[in-house]
Amino acid sequence: MAFWQFTRLKFVYPAILLILFFLDGTLMSALGGYFTHFPFHILPMLTFVWLFFGIQFKVYQDIPFWWYVLLIGVMFDAYYTGIFGTYIIAFLLGTLIMKQLHYWLDERIIAGLLLLLIGIVVYLIITYFAGFIIGIANISLLNFLIYQLVPTVILNVFIGAIFYYPTWSFFQVLN
């Protein structure tokens, strides 16, 4: 690969990750009435979906991927909760589990969406238990699973399915 192709990927991937970080907050702010309509609480997780694409299409091999995961976790902690560590651990473990499972799953869309589903479930369960431990999660585990985890997984796996092939094509152009 030519040097300019590596450089392009090293700038484009984190730039899109940063844009999606702000887009997550903007979507939740603008469409919060729809996403949090009682009894459901749906979280758009575009940054996590982008990290999934980085693992699924093996972009993590060409960029400092784990530094980006750590940085986005710090940004989420600072911006959303103010409690340092919750999102760092959730992002790191969610992406690490997706990376480890990627060895056994192929690059077909169904296997990729299963990988995304598992990563989102791990991420959400870690954030729920962290909130439960520190006392900010005020719902039961069953309500969390039914009214937050399932709708959030459905929305984000749907987003992952829609953008799967366009993102794959985009990475092919960058590589």
N, C-alpha and C. Protein backbone atom coordinates (compact mmCIF):
# COMPACT_ATOMS: atom_id res chain seq x y z
N MET A 1 0.82 -1.18 0.00
CA MET A 1 0.00 0.00 0.00
C MET A 1 0.87 1.25 0.00
N ALA A 2 0.41 2.23 -0.70
CA ALA A 2 1.15 3.49 -0.77
C ALA A 2 0.96 4.27 0.52
N PHE A 3 1.92 5.15 0.79
CA PHE A 3 1.89 5.94 2.02
C PHE A 3 0.64 6.82 2.10
N TRP A 4 0.23 7.41 0.98
CA TRP A 4 -0.92 8.31 1.01
C TRP A 4 -2.21 7.57 1.36
N GLN A 5 -2.28 6.25 1.04
CA GLN A 5 -3.48 5.50 1.41
C GLN A 5 -3.56 5.31 2.92
N PHE A 6 -2.42 5.02 3.57
CA PHE A 6 -2.41 4.91 5.02
C PHE A 6 -2.73 6.25 5.67
N THR A 7 -2.17 7.31 5.12
CA THR A 7 -2.40 8.63 5.68
C THR A 7 -3.87 9.01 5.57
N ARG A 8 -4.46 8.72 4.44
CA ARG A 8 -5.86 9.04 4.25
C ARG A 8 -6.74 8.33 5.28
N LEU A 9 -6.48 7.07 5.51
CA LEU A 9 -7.26 6.30 6.48
C LEU A 9 -7.02 6.80 7.89
N LYS A 10 -5.79 7.19 8.20
CA LYS A 10 -5.47 7.67 9.54
C LYS A 10 -6.14 9.00 9.87
N PHE A 11 -6.47 9.78 8.85
CA PHE A 11 -7.16 11.05 9.09
C PHE A 11 -8.67 10.92 8.96
N VAL A 12 -9.11 10.13 8.03
CA VAL A 12 -10.55 10.02 7.76
C VAL A 12 -11.27 9.26 8.86
N TYR A 13 -10.70 8.14 9.32
CA TYR A 13 -11.38 7.33 10.32
C TYR A 13 -11.63 8.10 11.62
N PRO A 14 -10.61 8.74 12.22
CA PRO A 14 -10.91 9.50 13.46
C PRO A 14 -11.78 10.73 13.23
N ALA A 15 -11.68 11.33 12.05
CA ALA A 15 -12.52 12.49 11.77
C ALA A 15 -13.99 12.08 11.74
N ILE A 16 -14.29 10.97 11.09
CA ILE A 16 -15.67 10.48 11.06
C ILE A 16 -16.11 10.03 12.45
N LEU A 17 -15.21 9.44 13.21
CA LEU A 17 -15.53 9.05 14.58
C LEU A 17 -15.90 10.25 15.43
N LEU A 18 -15.18 11.34 15.28
CA LEU A 18 -15.48 12.56 16.02
C LEU A 18 -16.82 13.17 15.57
N ILE A 19 -17.06 13.17 14.27
CA ILE A 19 -18.34 13.68 13.75
C ILE A 19 -19.50 12.84 14.29
N LEU A 20 -19.33 11.53 14.31
CA LEU A 20 -20.40 10.67 14.82
C LEU A 20 -20.61 10.83 16.32
N PHE A 21 -19.55 11.15 17.05
CA PHE A 21 -19.69 11.44 18.47
C PHE A 21 -20.63 12.62 18.68
N PHE A 22 -20.40 13.69 17.93
CA PHE A 22 -21.27 14.85 18.05
C PHE A 22 -22.66 14.59 17.47
N LEU A 23 -22.73 13.77 16.44
CA LEU A 23 -24.03 13.42 15.85
C LEU A 23 -24.87 12.59 16.82
N ASP A 24 -24.22 11.72 17.60
CA ASP A 24 -24.94 10.97 18.64
C ASP A 24 -25.64 11.92 19.60
N GLY A 25 -24.89 12.89 20.10
CA GLY A 25 -25.47 13.86 21.03
C GLY A 25 -26.53 14.72 20.38
N THR A 26 -26.31 15.12 19.14
CA THR A 26 -27.28 15.95 18.43
C THR A 26 -28.57 15.19 18.18
N LEU A 27 -28.46 13.93 17.76
CA LEU A 27 -29.66 13.11 17.54
C LEU A 27 -30.45 12.93 18.84
N MET A 28 -29.73 12.67 19.92
CA MET A 28 -30.42 12.48 21.19
C MET A 28 -31.06 13.78 21.66
N SER A 29 -30.42 14.89 21.38
CA SER A 29 -30.97 16.18 21.77
C SER A 29 -32.17 16.55 20.91
N ALA A 30 -32.04 16.38 19.60
CA ALA A 30 -33.10 16.80 18.69
C ALA A 30 -34.28 15.83 18.69
N LEU A 31 -34.00 14.55 18.78
CA LEU A 31 -35.07 13.55 18.69
C LEU A 31 -35.30 12.84 20.03
N GLY A 32 -34.88 13.47 21.11
CA GLY A 32 -35.02 12.86 22.42
C GLY A 32 -36.45 12.53 22.78
N GLY A 33 -37.39 13.34 22.33
CA GLY A 33 -38.79 13.06 22.60
C GLY A 33 -39.26 11.76 21.98
N TYR A 34 -38.71 11.42 20.81
CA TYR A 34 -39.07 10.16 20.16
C TYR A 34 -38.30 8.99 20.77
N PHE A 35 -37.01 9.22 21.02
CA PHE A 35 -36.17 8.13 21.53
C PHE A 35 -36.48 7.77 22.98
N THR A 36 -36.99 8.72 23.73
CA THR A 36 -37.28 8.45 25.14
C THR A 36 -38.78 8.48 25.42
N HIS A 37 -39.58 8.21 24.42
CA HIS A 37 -41.03 8.18 24.61
C HIS A 37 -41.37 7.01 25.51
N PHE A 38 -42.11 7.29 26.59
CA PHE A 38 -42.42 6.29 27.60
C PHE A 38 -43.06 5.07 26.97
N PRO A 39 -42.66 3.89 27.29
CA PRO A 39 -41.72 3.45 28.30
C PRO A 39 -40.32 3.18 27.74
N PHE A 40 -40.12 3.46 26.47
CA PHE A 40 -38.85 3.09 25.83
C PHE A 40 -37.79 4.17 26.01
N HIS A 41 -36.54 3.73 25.95
CA HIS A 41 -35.39 4.63 25.99
C HIS A 41 -34.37 4.09 25.00
N ILE A 42 -34.36 4.66 23.82
CA ILE A 42 -33.52 4.17 22.73
C ILE A 42 -32.29 5.08 22.60
N LEU A 43 -31.12 4.47 22.50
CA LEU A 43 -29.88 5.23 22.36
C LEU A 43 -29.30 5.05 20.96
N PRO A 44 -29.16 6.12 20.20
CA PRO A 44 -28.41 5.98 18.95
C PRO A 44 -26.93 5.85 19.30
N MET A 45 -26.30 4.81 18.81
CA MET A 45 -24.89 4.54 19.14
C MET A 45 -24.05 4.52 17.85
N LEU A 46 -24.05 5.64 17.16
CA LEU A 46 -23.36 5.72 15.88
C LEU A 46 -21.85 5.55 16.03
N THR A 47 -21.29 6.07 17.11
CA THR A 47 -19.84 5.92 17.32
C THR A 47 -19.49 4.45 17.52
N PHE A 48 -20.31 3.73 18.26
CA PHE A 48 -20.04 2.31 18.47
C PHE A 48 -20.19 1.52 17.18
N VAL A 49 -21.17 1.89 16.37
CA VAL A 49 -21.35 1.23 15.07
C VAL A 49 -20.13 1.49 14.19
N TRP A 50 -19.58 2.71 14.24
CA TRP A 50 -18.38 3.03 13.46
C TRP A 50 -17.18 2.22 13.95
N LEU A 51 -17.07 2.05 15.26
CA LEU A 51 -15.99 1.20 15.80
C LEU A 51 -16.17 -0.24 15.36
N PHE A 52 -17.42 -0.70 15.30
CA PHE A 52 -17.70 -2.05 14.78
C PHE A 52 -17.23 -2.18 13.34
N PHE A 53 -17.52 -1.16 12.52
CA PHE A 53 -17.07 -1.22 11.13
C PHE A 53 -15.54 -1.28 11.06
N GLY A 54 -14.87 -0.59 11.96
CA GLY A 54 -13.41 -0.65 11.99
C GLY A 54 -12.90 -2.05 12.29
N ILE A 55 -13.61 -2.78 13.12
CA ILE A 55 -13.23 -4.16 13.43
C ILE A 55 -13.65 -5.10 12.32
N GLN A 56 -14.87 -4.97 11.86
CA GLN A 56 -15.41 -5.89 10.86
C GLN A 56 -14.61 -5.85 9.56
N PHE A 57 -14.19 -4.67 9.16
CA PHE A 57 -13.47 -4.54 7.90
C PHE A 57 -11.96 -4.43 8.10
N LYS A 58 -11.49 -4.78 9.30
CA LYS A 58 -10.07 -4.89 9.66
C LYS A 58 -9.29 -3.60 9.45
N VAL A 59 -9.94 -2.49 9.70
CA VAL A 59 -9.27 -1.19 9.63
C VAL A 59 -8.37 -1.01 10.84
N TYR A 60 -8.70 -1.69 11.94
CA TYR A 60 -7.94 -1.54 13.17
C TYR A 60 -6.48 -1.93 13.00
N GLN A 61 -6.16 -2.68 11.97
CA GLN A 61 -4.78 -3.10 11.74
C GLN A 61 -3.91 -1.98 11.18
N ASP A 62 -4.54 -0.98 10.56
CA ASP A 62 -3.80 0.07 9.87
C ASP A 62 -3.77 1.40 10.61
N ILE A 63 -4.49 1.51 11.71
CA ILE A 63 -4.59 2.77 12.44
C ILE A 63 -4.39 2.51 13.93
N PRO A 64 -4.14 3.53 14.74
CA PRO A 64 -4.07 3.33 16.19
C PRO A 64 -5.48 3.21 16.79
N PHE A 65 -6.15 2.15 16.45
CA PHE A 65 -7.56 1.94 16.75
C PHE A 65 -7.85 1.99 18.24
N TRP A 66 -7.04 1.33 19.04
CA TRP A 66 -7.33 1.25 20.47
C TRP A 66 -7.16 2.59 21.16
N TRP A 67 -6.30 3.45 20.63
CA TRP A 67 -6.19 4.81 21.16
C TRP A 67 -7.46 5.59 20.86
N TYR A 68 -8.03 5.37 19.68
CA TYR A 68 -9.28 6.03 19.33
C TYR A 68 -10.42 5.54 20.22
N VAL A 69 -10.44 4.24 20.51
CA VAL A 69 -11.48 3.70 21.39
C VAL A 69 -11.34 4.32 22.78
N LEU A 70 -10.12 4.39 23.27
CA LEU A 70 -9.88 4.99 24.59
C LEU A 70 -10.27 6.47 24.60
N LEU A 71 -9.89 7.19 23.57
CA LEU A 71 -10.21 8.61 23.49
C LEU A 71 -11.72 8.85 23.41
N ILE A 72 -12.43 8.04 22.65
CA ILE A 72 -13.88 8.24 22.54
C ILE A 72 -14.55 7.87 23.86
N GLY A 73 -14.01 6.90 24.57
CA GLY A 73 -14.53 6.59 25.90
C GLY A 73 -14.34 7.74 26.87
N VAL A 74 -13.19 8.38 26.83
CA VAL A 74 -12.93 9.55 27.68
C VAL A 74 -13.89 10.68 27.31
N MET A 75 -14.09 10.90 26.02
CA MET A 75 -14.99 11.96 25.59
C MET A 75 -16.42 11.68 26.02
N PHE A 76 -16.88 10.45 25.91
CA PHE A 76 -18.22 10.10 26.37
C PHE A 76 -18.35 10.31 27.87
N ASP A 77 -17.33 9.89 28.62
CA ASP A 77 -17.36 10.10 30.08
C ASP A 77 -17.43 11.58 30.43
N ALA A 78 -16.63 12.38 29.77
CA ALA A 78 -16.60 13.81 30.08
C ALA A 78 -17.88 14.51 29.63
N TYR A 79 -18.41 14.12 28.50
CA TYR A 79 -19.56 14.82 27.92
C TYR A 79 -20.88 14.35 28.50
N TYR A 80 -21.05 13.05 28.68
CA TYR A 80 -22.36 12.52 29.06
C TYR A 80 -22.54 12.31 30.56
N THR A 81 -21.56 11.75 31.24
CA THR A 81 -21.79 11.43 32.65
C THR A 81 -20.96 12.26 33.60
N GLY A 82 -19.76 12.61 33.22
CA GLY A 82 -18.87 13.30 34.14
C GLY A 82 -18.22 12.35 35.12
N ILE A 83 -18.51 11.07 35.01
CA ILE A 83 -17.91 10.05 35.86
C ILE A 83 -16.89 9.31 35.02
N PHE A 84 -15.64 9.48 35.37
CA PHE A 84 -14.54 8.95 34.56
C PHE A 84 -14.42 7.44 34.70
N GLY A 85 -14.54 6.72 33.60
CA GLY A 85 -14.28 5.29 33.59
C GLY A 85 -15.40 4.43 33.06
N THR A 86 -16.65 4.86 33.19
CA THR A 86 -17.78 4.02 32.79
C THR A 86 -17.74 3.72 31.30
N TYR A 87 -17.72 4.76 30.49
CA TYR A 87 -17.74 4.56 29.04
C TYR A 87 -16.39 4.08 28.52
N ILE A 88 -15.32 4.42 29.19
CA ILE A 88 -14.01 3.91 28.77
C ILE A 88 -14.03 2.38 28.83
N ILE A 89 -14.47 1.84 29.95
CA ILE A 89 -14.52 0.38 30.10
C ILE A 89 -15.53 -0.22 29.14
N ALA A 90 -16.69 0.42 28.99
CA ALA A 90 -17.73 -0.11 28.10
C ALA A 90 -17.26 -0.16 26.65
N PHE A 91 -16.65 0.93 26.18
CA PHE A 91 -16.15 0.94 24.80
C PHE A 91 -15.02 -0.07 24.62
N LEU A 92 -14.08 -0.10 25.57
CA LEU A 92 -12.95 -1.02 25.42
C LEU A 92 -13.40 -2.48 25.45
N LEU A 93 -14.23 -2.85 26.40
CA LEU A 93 -14.67 -4.25 26.47
C LEU A 93 -15.59 -4.62 25.32
N GLY A 94 -16.48 -3.71 24.94
CA GLY A 94 -17.37 -4.00 23.82
C GLY A 94 -16.60 -4.23 22.52
N THR A 95 -15.63 -3.36 22.25
CA THR A 95 -14.86 -3.53 21.01
C THR A 95 -13.87 -4.69 21.12
N LEU A 96 -13.33 -4.92 22.30
CA LEU A 96 -12.41 -6.05 22.48
C LEU A 96 -13.14 -7.38 22.26
N ILE A 97 -14.34 -7.50 22.79
CA ILE A 97 -15.12 -8.74 22.59
C ILE A 97 -15.49 -8.89 21.11
N MET A 98 -15.85 -7.79 20.46
CA MET A 98 -16.15 -7.89 19.03
C MET A 98 -14.91 -8.33 18.24
N LYS A 99 -13.75 -7.79 18.61
CA LYS A 99 -12.52 -8.17 17.91
C LYS A 99 -12.19 -9.64 18.12
N GLN A 100 -12.35 -10.13 19.35
CA GLN A 100 -12.06 -11.53 19.63
C GLN A 100 -13.05 -12.46 18.92
N LEU A 101 -14.30 -12.09 18.88
CA LEU A 101 -15.30 -12.93 18.20
C LEU A 101 -15.18 -12.85 16.68
N HIS A 102 -14.56 -11.79 16.20
CA HIS A 102 -14.41 -11.63 14.74
C HIS A 102 -13.56 -12.75 14.15
N TYR A 103 -12.68 -13.35 14.95
CA TYR A 103 -11.85 -14.45 14.45
C TYR A 103 -12.70 -15.66 14.07
N TRP A 104 -13.83 -15.86 14.78
CA TRP A 104 -14.67 -17.03 14.52
C TRP A 104 -15.82 -16.73 13.57
N LEU A 105 -16.10 -15.48 13.36
CA LEU A 105 -17.18 -15.11 12.45
C LEU A 105 -16.59 -14.56 11.16
N ASP A 106 -17.24 -14.80 10.07
CA ASP A 106 -16.72 -14.31 8.80
C ASP A 106 -17.22 -12.89 8.53
N GLU A 107 -16.96 -12.41 7.32
CA GLU A 107 -17.29 -11.02 6.99
C GLU A 107 -18.62 -10.88 6.27
N ARG A 108 -19.45 -11.88 6.31
CA ARG A 108 -20.78 -11.73 5.73
C ARG A 108 -21.62 -10.83 6.62
N ILE A 109 -22.66 -10.25 6.03
CA ILE A 109 -23.43 -9.25 6.75
C ILE A 109 -24.15 -9.82 7.97
N ILE A 110 -24.66 -11.02 7.89
CA ILE A 110 -25.38 -11.60 9.04
C ILE A 110 -24.42 -11.85 10.20
N ALA A 111 -23.26 -12.39 9.92
CA ALA A 111 -22.28 -12.62 10.97
C ALA A 111 -21.80 -11.28 11.55
N GLY A 112 -21.66 -10.29 10.68
CA GLY A 112 -21.25 -8.98 11.15
C GLY A 112 -22.30 -8.33 12.04
N LEU A 113 -23.56 -8.47 11.68
CA LEU A 113 -24.62 -7.90 12.50
C LEU A 113 -24.76 -8.64 13.83
N LEU A 114 -24.48 -9.94 13.83
CA LEU A 114 -24.45 -10.68 15.09
C LEU A 114 -23.31 -10.16 15.97
N LEU A 115 -22.19 -9.89 15.37
CA LEU A 115 -21.05 -9.32 16.10
C LEU A 115 -21.41 -7.96 16.67
N LEU A 116 -22.07 -7.12 15.89
CA LEU A 116 -22.51 -5.82 16.38
C LEU A 116 -23.52 -5.96 17.51
N LEU A 117 -24.46 -6.88 17.37
CA LEU A 117 -25.44 -7.12 18.41
C LEU A 117 -24.76 -7.51 19.73
N ILE A 118 -23.81 -8.41 19.67
CA ILE A 118 -23.10 -8.84 20.88
C ILE A 118 -22.33 -7.68 21.48
N GLY A 119 -21.67 -6.89 20.66
CA GLY A 119 -20.92 -5.75 21.16
C GLY A 119 -21.82 -4.72 21.83
N ILE A 120 -22.98 -4.44 21.25
CA ILE A 120 -23.91 -3.48 21.84
C ILE A 120 -24.46 -4.00 23.16
N VAL A 121 -24.78 -5.28 23.21
CA VAL A 121 -25.29 -5.86 24.45
C VAL A 121 -24.24 -5.76 25.56
N VAL A 122 -23.00 -6.08 25.25
CA VAL A 122 -21.93 -5.97 26.25
C VAL A 122 -21.78 -4.52 26.71
N TYR A 123 -21.75 -3.61 25.77
CA TYR A 123 -21.62 -2.18 26.07
C TYR A 123 -22.75 -1.70 26.99
N LEU A 124 -23.99 -2.03 26.64
CA LEU A 124 -25.13 -1.55 27.42
C LEU A 124 -25.20 -2.20 28.79
N ILE A 125 -24.87 -3.47 28.89
CA ILE A 125 -24.89 -4.13 30.20
C ILE A 125 -23.81 -3.55 31.11
N ILE A 126 -22.64 -3.26 30.57
CA ILE A 126 -21.59 -2.64 31.39
C ILE A 126 -22.03 -1.27 31.88
N THR A 127 -22.62 -0.47 31.00
CA THR A 127 -23.05 0.86 31.45
C THR A 127 -24.21 0.77 32.44
N TYR A 128 -25.09 -0.22 32.26
CA TYR A 128 -26.19 -0.38 33.22
C TYR A 128 -25.65 -0.76 34.60
N PHE A 129 -24.78 -1.76 34.66
CA PHE A 129 -24.27 -2.18 35.96
C PHE A 129 -23.39 -1.12 36.61
N ALA A 130 -22.67 -0.37 35.81
CA ALA A 130 -21.89 0.74 36.38
C ALA A 130 -22.84 1.78 36.98
N GLY A 131 -23.91 2.09 36.27
CA GLY A 131 -24.91 3.02 36.80
C GLY A 131 -25.63 2.47 38.02
N PHE A 132 -25.86 1.17 38.03
CA PHE A 132 -26.52 0.54 39.17
C PHE A 132 -25.62 0.58 40.41
N ILE A 133 -24.33 0.34 40.21
CA ILE A 133 -23.38 0.35 41.33
C ILE A 133 -23.28 1.74 41.96
N ILE A 134 -23.22 2.77 41.11
CA ILE A 134 -23.06 4.11 41.67
C ILE A 134 -24.39 4.79 41.99
N GLY A 135 -25.50 4.12 41.67
CA GLY A 135 -26.80 4.61 42.10
C GLY A 135 -27.53 5.53 41.15
N ILE A 136 -27.13 5.58 39.88
CA ILE A 136 -27.86 6.44 38.94
C ILE A 136 -28.80 5.66 38.03
N ALA A 137 -28.73 4.33 38.04
CA ALA A 137 -29.66 3.51 37.28
C ALA A 137 -30.84 3.20 38.19
N ASN A 138 -31.99 3.75 37.88
CA ASN A 138 -33.14 3.61 38.76
C ASN A 138 -34.24 2.70 38.18
N ILE A 139 -33.85 1.76 37.32
CA ILE A 139 -34.81 0.81 36.78
C ILE A 139 -34.31 -0.61 37.07
N SER A 140 -35.23 -1.54 37.06
CA SER A 140 -34.85 -2.92 37.32
C SER A 140 -34.17 -3.51 36.08
N LEU A 141 -33.52 -4.63 36.28
CA LEU A 141 -32.82 -5.28 35.18
C LEU A 141 -33.79 -5.71 34.08
N LEU A 142 -34.94 -6.22 34.46
CA LEU A 142 -35.92 -6.64 33.46
C LEU A 142 -36.43 -5.46 32.65
N ASN A 143 -36.73 -4.35 33.29
CA ASN A 143 -37.16 -3.15 32.56
C ASN A 143 -36.04 -2.64 31.66
N PHE A 144 -34.83 -2.71 32.14
CA PHE A 144 -33.68 -2.30 31.31
C PHE A 144 -33.60 -3.17 30.06
N LEU A 145 -33.71 -4.47 30.23
CA LEU A 145 -33.60 -5.37 29.09
C LEU A 145 -34.72 -5.16 28.08
N ILE A 146 -35.93 -4.97 28.57
CA ILE A 146 -37.09 -4.86 27.68
C ILE A 146 -37.20 -3.48 27.05
N TYR A 147 -37.03 -2.44 27.85
CA TYR A 147 -37.35 -1.09 27.38
C TYR A 147 -36.15 -0.27 26.92
N GLN A 148 -34.94 -0.73 27.21
CA GLN A 148 -33.78 0.00 26.72
C GLN A 148 -32.90 -0.85 25.83
N LEU A 149 -32.52 -2.02 26.29
CA LEU A 149 -31.57 -2.83 25.53
C LEU A 149 -32.16 -3.29 24.20
N VAL A 150 -33.34 -3.88 24.21
CA VAL A 150 -33.91 -4.42 22.97
C VAL A 150 -34.17 -3.32 21.93
N PRO A 151 -34.83 -2.20 22.28
CA PRO A 151 -35.02 -1.16 21.25
C PRO A 151 -33.71 -0.54 20.76
N THR A 152 -32.74 -0.39 21.66
CA THR A 152 -31.45 0.17 21.25
C THR A 152 -30.73 -0.78 20.30
N VAL A 153 -30.77 -2.06 20.60
CA VAL A 153 -30.14 -3.05 19.71
C VAL A 153 -30.83 -3.05 18.35
N ILE A 154 -32.15 -3.00 18.34
CA ILE A 154 -32.88 -3.02 17.07
C ILE A 154 -32.50 -1.80 16.22
N LEU A 155 -32.51 -0.62 16.82
CA LEU A 155 -32.17 0.59 16.06
C LEU A 155 -30.75 0.53 15.51
N ASN A 156 -29.79 0.18 16.35
CA ASN A 156 -28.40 0.24 15.92
C ASN A 156 -27.99 -0.90 15.00
N VAL A 157 -28.59 -2.07 15.15
CA VAL A 157 -28.33 -3.14 14.18
C VAL A 157 -28.96 -2.77 12.83
N PHE A 158 -30.11 -2.12 12.86
CA PHE A 158 -30.73 -1.63 11.62
C PHE A 158 -29.81 -0.61 10.94
N ILE A 159 -29.26 0.32 11.71
CA ILE A 159 -28.32 1.31 11.16
C ILE A 159 -27.09 0.60 10.61
N GLY A 160 -26.59 -0.38 11.35
CA GLY A 160 -25.43 -1.15 10.87
C GLY A 160 -25.73 -1.88 9.58
N ALA A 161 -26.94 -2.42 9.44
CA ALA A 161 -27.31 -3.13 8.22
C ALA A 161 -27.43 -2.19 7.04
N ILE A 162 -27.99 -1.01 7.27
CA ILE A 162 -28.14 -0.05 6.17
C ILE A 162 -26.78 0.44 5.67
N PHE A 163 -25.87 0.70 6.59
CA PHE A 163 -24.58 1.28 6.21
C PHE A 163 -23.47 0.25 6.05
N TYR A 164 -23.78 -1.04 6.11
CA TYR A 164 -22.75 -2.08 6.03
C TYR A 164 -21.99 -2.03 4.70
N TYR A 165 -22.70 -2.17 3.60
CA TYR A 165 -22.03 -2.20 2.30
C TYR A 165 -21.49 -0.84 1.86
N PRO A 166 -22.20 0.27 2.12
CA PRO A 166 -21.57 1.56 1.80
C PRO A 166 -20.27 1.80 2.56
N THR A 167 -20.22 1.38 3.83
CA THR A 167 -19.00 1.56 4.61
C THR A 167 -17.90 0.64 4.09
N TRP A 168 -18.26 -0.58 3.74
CA TRP A 168 -17.29 -1.51 3.17
C TRP A 168 -16.70 -0.92 1.89
N SER A 169 -17.55 -0.36 1.02
CA SER A 169 -17.07 0.27 -0.21
C SER A 169 -16.19 1.48 0.09
N PHE A 170 -16.56 2.24 1.10
CA PHE A 170 -15.79 3.41 1.49
C PHE A 170 -14.38 3.00 1.96
N PHE A 171 -14.30 1.95 2.75
CA PHE A 171 -13.00 1.47 3.20
C PHE A 171 -12.19 0.88 2.06
N GLN A 172 -12.86 0.29 1.07
CA GLN A 172 -12.14 -0.21 -0.09
C GLN A 172 -11.49 0.92 -0.88
N VAL A 173 -12.19 2.05 -0.95
CA VAL A 173 -11.63 3.21 -1.64
C VAL A 173 -10.44 3.76 -0.85
N LEU A 174 -10.58 3.80 0.48
CA LEU A 174 -9.49 4.33 1.30
C LEU A 174 -8.28 3.40 1.34
N ASN A 175 -8.54 2.10 1.22
CA ASN A 175 -7.42 1.16 1.21
C ASN A 175 -6.96 0.95 -0.20
